[in-house]
Protein backbone atom coordinates (compact mmCIF):
# COMPACT_ATOMS: atom_id res chain seq x y z
CA MET A 1 -10.11 43.86 -26.11
CA SER A 2 -9.42 44.50 -22.42
CA ARG A 3 -10.47 41.39 -19.84
CA THR A 4 -12.41 41.07 -16.88
CA PRO A 5 -9.96 42.40 -13.88
CA LEU A 6 -10.20 38.81 -11.06
CA THR A 7 -8.39 38.19 -8.08
CA ILE A 8 -8.17 34.64 -7.45
CA ARG A 9 -7.65 33.96 -3.71
CA LEU A 10 -5.75 30.74 -3.56
CA CYS A 11 -6.18 28.37 -0.53
CA GLY A 12 -2.89 26.82 1.48
CA PRO A 13 -2.97 24.29 2.51
CA ARG A 14 -5.16 23.02 -0.54
CA GLY A 15 -4.95 19.67 -2.51
CA PHE A 16 -2.75 16.12 -1.71
CA CYS A 17 -2.26 14.80 2.36
CA ALA A 18 0.14 13.15 3.49
CA GLY A 19 -2.05 10.20 3.39
CA VAL A 20 -2.85 10.55 -0.18
CA ASP A 21 0.87 10.96 -1.12
CA ARG A 22 1.81 7.64 0.83
CA ALA A 23 -1.29 5.41 -1.00
CA ILE A 24 0.25 7.29 -4.47
CA GLN A 25 3.75 6.37 -3.47
CA ILE A 26 2.86 2.65 -2.51
CA VAL A 27 0.84 2.02 -5.69
CA VAL A 28 4.30 3.23 -7.91
CA LEU A 29 6.32 1.27 -6.00
CA ALA A 30 4.62 -1.76 -6.21
CA LEU A 31 4.56 -1.24 -10.03
CA LYS A 32 8.34 -0.92 -9.88
CA LYS A 33 9.20 -3.74 -7.38
CA TYR A 34 6.89 -6.37 -8.37
CA GLY A 35 6.16 -5.32 -12.02
CA ALA A 36 2.73 -4.99 -14.07
CA PRO A 37 0.06 -5.75 -13.33
CA VAL A 38 -0.42 -4.58 -9.88
CA TYR A 39 -4.15 -4.71 -8.34
CA VAL A 40 -5.36 -1.95 -6.09
CA ARG A 41 -8.83 -2.85 -4.30
CA HIS A 42 -11.30 0.46 -4.46
CA GLU A 43 -9.77 3.67 -5.97
CA ILE A 44 -6.74 4.22 -4.71
CA VAL A 45 -7.49 7.70 -3.57
CA HIS A 46 -11.00 9.52 -4.91
CA ASN A 47 -9.77 11.32 -8.04
CA ARG A 48 -10.11 10.03 -11.39
CA TYR A 49 -7.15 11.53 -12.62
CA VAL A 50 -5.32 9.55 -10.18
CA VAL A 51 -6.21 6.66 -11.19
CA GLU A 52 -6.09 7.21 -14.82
CA GLY A 53 -2.32 7.82 -14.48
CA LEU A 54 -1.86 4.91 -12.37
CA GLU A 55 -3.83 2.65 -14.81
CA ALA A 56 -1.69 4.12 -17.52
CA LEU A 57 1.38 2.47 -15.38
CA GLY A 58 -0.32 -0.53 -15.62
CA ALA A 59 -2.44 -0.55 -12.12
CA ILE A 60 -5.80 -2.70 -12.11
CA PHE A 61 -8.56 -1.05 -10.11
CA VAL A 62 -11.18 -3.86 -9.17
CA GLU A 63 -14.01 -3.17 -6.39
CA GLU A 64 -13.65 -6.86 -4.93
CA LEU A 65 -10.49 -9.71 -4.60
CA ASP A 66 -12.46 -12.25 -7.05
CA GLU A 67 -11.60 -10.02 -9.73
CA ILE A 68 -8.20 -11.05 -10.14
CA PRO A 69 -7.82 -13.70 -12.10
CA ALA A 70 -5.88 -17.07 -10.29
CA GLU A 71 -3.35 -16.44 -13.21
CA HIS A 72 -2.32 -13.39 -11.46
CA HIS A 73 -2.47 -14.08 -7.49
CA ALA A 74 0.93 -13.69 -7.36
CA GLN A 75 0.61 -10.25 -7.96
CA PRO A 76 0.06 -7.64 -5.13
CA VAL A 77 -3.12 -6.26 -4.29
CA ILE A 78 -3.01 -2.95 -2.50
CA PHE A 79 -6.43 -1.36 0.23
CA SER A 80 -7.16 1.71 -0.90
CA ALA A 81 -6.35 4.63 1.73
CA HIS A 82 -9.62 4.88 3.20
CA GLY A 83 -9.13 1.77 4.87
CA VAL A 84 -11.18 -1.65 4.69
CA ALA A 85 -13.19 -4.37 7.05
CA LYS A 86 -10.66 -7.06 8.81
CA SER A 87 -13.00 -9.30 6.23
CA VAL A 88 -11.32 -8.31 3.41
CA PRO A 89 -7.52 -9.36 4.49
CA ALA A 90 -9.05 -11.83 5.54
CA ASP A 91 -10.48 -13.16 2.58
CA ALA A 92 -6.58 -12.14 0.59
CA GLU A 93 -5.21 -14.17 3.16
CA ALA A 94 -7.82 -17.24 2.15
CA ARG A 95 -7.15 -16.70 -1.39
CA ASN A 96 -3.46 -17.01 -0.72
CA LEU A 97 -3.17 -13.10 -2.20
CA PHE A 98 -0.09 -11.19 -1.34
CA TYR A 99 -1.43 -7.85 0.36
CA LEU A 100 -0.16 -4.08 0.98
CA ASP A 101 -2.58 -1.77 2.88
CA ALA A 102 -2.04 1.53 2.05
CA THR A 103 -4.92 2.81 5.06
CA CYS A 104 -3.85 6.07 5.86
CA PRO A 105 -2.20 6.13 9.24
CA LEU A 106 -4.72 8.62 10.45
CA VAL A 107 -7.64 6.52 9.30
CA SER A 108 -5.69 3.77 10.96
CA LYS A 109 -5.93 5.42 13.96
CA VAL A 110 -9.47 5.68 14.31
CA HIS A 111 -10.07 2.32 13.66
CA LYS A 112 -7.44 1.90 16.71
CA GLN A 113 -9.66 4.21 18.91
CA ALA A 114 -12.67 2.31 17.89
CA MET A 115 -11.46 -1.01 18.80
CA ARG A 116 -10.19 0.48 22.35
CA HIS A 117 -13.92 1.55 23.51
CA GLU A 118 -15.23 -1.96 22.18
CA ARG A 119 -12.47 -3.40 24.06
CA LEU A 120 -13.31 -1.48 27.29
CA GLY A 121 -16.55 -2.19 27.01
CA ARG A 122 -18.30 0.45 25.46
CA HIS A 123 -20.71 0.88 22.50
CA VAL A 124 -19.43 2.40 19.54
CA VAL A 125 -20.85 5.53 18.54
CA LEU A 126 -19.38 6.45 14.55
CA ILE A 127 -20.09 9.90 13.54
CA GLY A 128 -20.02 10.05 9.64
CA HIS A 129 -21.40 8.93 6.01
CA ARG A 130 -23.50 6.38 5.45
CA GLY A 131 -21.75 4.09 2.61
CA HIS A 132 -18.36 6.15 2.51
CA PRO A 133 -15.75 3.42 1.87
CA GLU A 134 -14.41 4.79 5.55
CA VAL A 135 -16.95 4.24 7.36
CA ILE A 136 -17.22 0.67 5.77
CA GLY A 137 -13.88 0.26 6.67
CA THR A 138 -14.09 1.63 10.02
CA MET A 139 -17.70 -0.68 11.07
CA GLY A 140 -16.04 -3.71 9.55
CA GLN A 141 -13.31 -3.24 12.42
CA LEU A 142 -15.64 -4.70 15.02
CA PRO A 143 -18.33 -7.65 15.11
CA PRO A 144 -21.47 -6.48 14.13
CA GLY A 145 -23.82 -4.60 16.56
CA ALA A 146 -20.96 -3.27 18.13
CA VAL A 147 -21.05 0.07 16.59
CA THR A 148 -23.85 2.54 15.79
CA LEU A 149 -23.48 5.15 12.66
CA VAL A 150 -24.70 8.55 13.38
CA GLU A 151 -24.99 11.75 10.64
CA THR A 152 -26.79 14.22 12.02
CA VAL A 153 -27.82 15.40 15.04
CA ALA A 154 -31.16 14.04 13.93
CA ASP A 155 -29.66 10.60 14.41
CA VAL A 156 -28.14 11.29 18.10
CA ASP A 157 -31.79 12.66 19.05
CA ALA A 158 -32.78 9.03 17.96
CA PHE A 159 -30.21 6.73 19.04
CA GLU A 160 -31.37 4.75 22.58
CA PRO A 161 -28.75 2.61 23.56
CA ALA A 162 -29.21 -0.51 25.26
CA ASP A 163 -26.26 1.34 28.13
CA PRO A 164 -26.14 4.73 27.97
CA THR A 165 -23.92 5.07 30.81
CA ALA A 166 -21.15 2.88 28.48
CA LEU A 167 -20.74 4.52 25.03
CA GLY A 168 -17.66 5.83 23.42
CA PHE A 169 -17.43 7.76 19.64
CA VAL A 170 -15.10 8.30 16.93
CA THR A 171 -15.71 10.05 13.62
CA GLN A 172 -14.63 9.47 10.10
CA THR A 173 -11.75 11.80 9.16
CA THR A 174 -13.49 13.68 6.16
CA LEU A 175 -16.48 15.23 7.69
CA SER A 176 -17.10 19.23 8.59
CA VAL A 177 -15.32 20.45 11.49
CA ASP A 178 -18.40 22.42 12.91
CA ASP A 179 -21.40 20.23 11.80
CA THR A 180 -19.16 17.12 13.66
CA ALA A 181 -18.84 19.27 16.51
CA ASP A 182 -22.67 20.23 16.78
CA VAL A 183 -22.95 16.16 16.43
CA ILE A 184 -20.52 15.73 19.53
CA ALA A 185 -21.95 18.44 21.54
CA ARG A 186 -25.54 16.84 21.04
CA LEU A 187 -24.00 13.54 21.52
CA HIS A 188 -22.26 14.83 25.30
CA ALA A 189 -25.46 16.69 26.31
CA LYS A 190 -27.62 13.28 25.78
CA PHE A 191 -25.27 11.24 27.06
CA PRO A 192 -22.50 12.44 29.65
CA LEU A 193 -21.00 9.90 30.56
CA ILE A 194 -20.14 9.28 26.76
CA THR A 195 -16.32 8.98 26.48
CA ALA A 196 -14.63 11.08 23.50
CA PRO A 197 -11.50 8.92 21.65
CA ALA A 198 -8.05 9.98 22.80
CA ALA A 199 -7.12 12.63 20.58
CA GLU A 200 -8.97 14.17 17.66
CA SER A 201 -10.24 11.92 14.57
CA ILE A 202 -11.21 14.64 11.96
CA CYS A 203 -7.58 14.12 10.24
CA TYR A 204 -4.98 17.51 10.55
CA ALA A 205 -5.35 17.93 6.75
CA THR A 206 -9.28 17.74 6.44
CA THR A 207 -9.17 20.80 9.58
CA ASN A 208 -6.51 22.59 7.92
CA ARG A 209 -8.02 22.67 4.47
CA GLN A 210 -11.24 23.23 6.08
CA ASP A 211 -9.81 26.62 7.82
CA ALA A 212 -7.93 27.95 4.73
CA VAL A 213 -11.31 28.03 3.05
CA LYS A 214 -13.10 29.86 5.71
CA GLN A 215 -10.13 32.36 5.78
CA ALA A 216 -10.70 32.47 2.26
CA ALA A 217 -14.63 32.33 1.71
CA PRO A 218 -15.60 35.88 2.55
CA GLY A 219 -16.57 37.94 -0.74
CA CYS A 220 -15.76 36.14 -3.03
CA ASP A 221 -17.90 35.81 -5.79
CA LEU A 222 -17.27 32.28 -6.58
CA PHE A 223 -15.71 29.48 -4.73
CA VAL A 224 -14.00 26.50 -6.79
CA VAL A 225 -13.03 23.68 -5.16
CA VAL A 226 -11.12 21.01 -7.42
CA GLY A 227 -12.29 17.79 -6.34
CA ALA A 228 -14.94 14.38 -7.38
CA PRO A 229 -18.05 14.09 -6.46
CA ASN A 230 -17.20 11.26 -4.05
CA SER A 231 -14.55 12.80 -1.79
CA SER A 232 -15.85 13.85 1.15
CA ASN A 233 -13.82 15.94 2.20
CA SER A 234 -14.03 18.05 -1.27
CA LYS A 235 -17.36 17.99 -0.91
CA ARG A 236 -17.16 19.66 2.84
CA LEU A 237 -14.79 22.23 1.02
CA VAL A 238 -18.02 23.18 -0.76
CA GLU A 239 -20.05 23.63 1.81
CA VAL A 240 -17.42 25.39 4.11
CA ALA A 241 -17.20 27.97 0.94
CA LEU A 242 -21.04 28.51 1.28
CA LYS A 243 -21.15 29.29 4.99
CA ALA A 244 -17.79 31.11 5.49
CA GLY A 245 -19.74 33.39 2.73
CA ALA A 246 -18.78 32.62 -0.56
CA ARG A 247 -21.58 33.94 -2.69
CA LYS A 248 -21.41 30.51 -5.10
CA SER A 249 -19.58 27.28 -4.50
CA ILE A 250 -18.92 24.56 -6.64
CA LEU A 251 -16.75 21.31 -7.44
CA LEU A 252 -14.84 20.57 -10.45
CA GLN A 253 -12.90 17.97 -11.58
CA ARG A 254 -11.40 19.31 -14.74
CA ALA A 255 -11.17 22.53 -16.13
CA HIS A 256 -13.16 21.29 -19.62
CA GLU A 257 -16.12 21.28 -16.59
CA ILE A 258 -16.29 25.13 -16.59
CA ASP A 259 -19.69 26.41 -17.55
CA TRP A 260 -18.24 30.19 -18.50
CA ASP A 261 -21.95 31.09 -19.19
CA GLU A 262 -22.88 29.81 -15.74
CA ILE A 263 -20.40 31.71 -14.14
CA GLY A 264 -20.87 35.14 -15.60
CA ASP A 265 -18.81 38.14 -14.36
CA ILE A 266 -17.04 37.57 -11.42
CA GLY A 267 -14.28 39.84 -9.65
CA LEU A 268 -12.90 37.68 -6.94
CA LEU A 269 -12.56 33.59 -6.99
CA GLY A 270 -11.75 31.64 -3.87
CA LEU A 271 -10.01 28.24 -5.21
CA SER A 272 -8.58 25.36 -3.25
CA ALA A 273 -8.55 21.46 -3.82
CA GLY A 274 -9.06 18.52 -1.39
CA ALA A 275 -6.79 16.24 -0.17
CA SER A 276 -6.65 13.79 -3.19
CA ALA A 277 -6.96 16.43 -6.32
CA PRO A 278 -3.46 16.88 -7.58
CA GLU A 279 -2.06 20.35 -8.36
CA VAL A 280 -1.75 19.96 -11.99
CA VAL A 281 -5.64 20.08 -12.26
CA VAL A 282 -5.02 23.07 -9.82
CA ALA A 283 -3.00 24.68 -12.32
CA GLU A 284 -5.15 23.55 -15.22
CA ILE A 285 -7.86 25.26 -13.60
CA ILE A 286 -6.22 28.62 -12.89
CA ASP A 287 -4.76 28.83 -16.44
CA ALA A 288 -8.37 28.49 -17.76
CA PHE A 289 -9.54 31.45 -15.54
CA LYS A 290 -6.29 33.77 -16.86
CA ALA A 291 -7.14 32.55 -20.48
CA ARG A 292 -10.44 34.50 -20.27
CA PHE A 293 -9.76 37.69 -17.17
CA ASP A 294 -6.85 39.42 -16.10
CA ALA A 295 -6.61 37.46 -13.62
CA THR A 296 -4.13 38.18 -10.38
CA ILE A 297 -2.98 35.45 -8.04
CA GLU A 298 -3.56 36.30 -3.79
CA LEU A 299 -2.63 33.31 -1.51
CA ALA A 300 -4.92 33.12 1.48
CA GLU A 301 -1.89 30.52 3.34
CA THR A 302 -3.17 29.34 7.25
CA VAL A 303 -0.39 26.67 7.79
CA GLN A 304 2.13 24.96 6.39
CA GLU A 305 1.42 21.36 6.02
CA THR A 306 5.13 19.05 6.86
CA GLU A 307 3.81 15.64 7.83
CA ASN A 308 5.20 12.36 6.06
CA PHE A 309 4.12 9.01 6.33
CA LEU A 310 6.09 6.27 5.76
CA VAL A 311 5.39 3.18 2.59
CA ASN A 312 4.88 -0.23 4.18
CA ARG A 313 8.47 -2.02 5.09
CA GLU A 314 8.51 -4.30 1.75
CA LEU A 315 8.76 -1.34 -0.61
CA ARG A 316 11.30 0.69 1.60
CA ASP A 317 14.08 -0.60 -0.52
CA VAL A 318 12.99 1.06 -3.69
CA GLU A 319 13.94 4.32 -4.80
CA LEU A 320 11.82 6.77 -6.52
CA THR A 321 13.37 8.91 -9.20
CA PRO A 322 12.60 12.97 -9.87
CA ALA A 323 10.25 11.43 -12.60
CA ASP A 324 8.70 9.28 -9.95
CA MET A 325 7.98 11.82 -7.28
CA ALA A 326 6.69 14.25 -10.12
CA PHE A 327 4.54 11.41 -10.84
CA VAL A 328 3.40 10.81 -7.67
CA ASN A 329 2.86 14.60 -6.87
CA GLY A 330 0.67 15.22 -9.73
CA ALA A 331 2.22 15.98 -12.88
CA ARG A 332 2.05 13.79 -15.73
């Protein structure tokens, strides 16, 4: 029986960014150097496949430091790539815990931008999603009341600061570039003296993945984004695909989630992956479509990424084997 032809328009870049790659390396290196268990506060990145793989190696994920048993206080605890409030390392020190910070350097840059605004006497406006770990971490760099969170243009309209001439803004790194531009434009219109950060807050990987999806989405019957439902950058890719012209867009964690009856007959499939989604899951989803369609791959690449972030000094004396690197890159 002949199968329906399908073109899979595969975005590049997609999947792991340098910050995610670094965070996973930190957990693997810590396990090699210090042995299991290694504790990780919060999901190291927002992807269950990655988390479960690290658990199999001996990582234990906790939400708060008081979950770490006293007999394991000599073992390292790692802070996730999303960043943490200043109170978290202070709490770790108070408990005599040895910690390693896997905060993405680009998130750390936003922390520094926010602190600079505050140091120069500006009230900080943070554009981001309420409750996201990165937002909690960024707001936690400054004293209570020093930061106002806005999510939408309507939030800007409702914001009435004590001194509209002394404001500075920063953004969460994983937002929609276009939606954030609208919020920033409204901030500038309402508060002409507001100060922008010294450098772009939305990270290169977020921007690059959204640009690739914008190029690939027009004409797609379906656009699949590989990523977790709690991954901000992955959910933004779904939104970007719809705005750019895809007829439908969905978020998938694994191939078994595909509802073939709902998908029906399609001729052009767009495919990308959030910055915390491993390439092995992308391949798994491609294979699932190839099993049902006469599929061909069409690459939609906008730029090649070469960024690389160094791991913590404490871990640089540990070497990763080819098998370790395969695991870090999502192949297990």
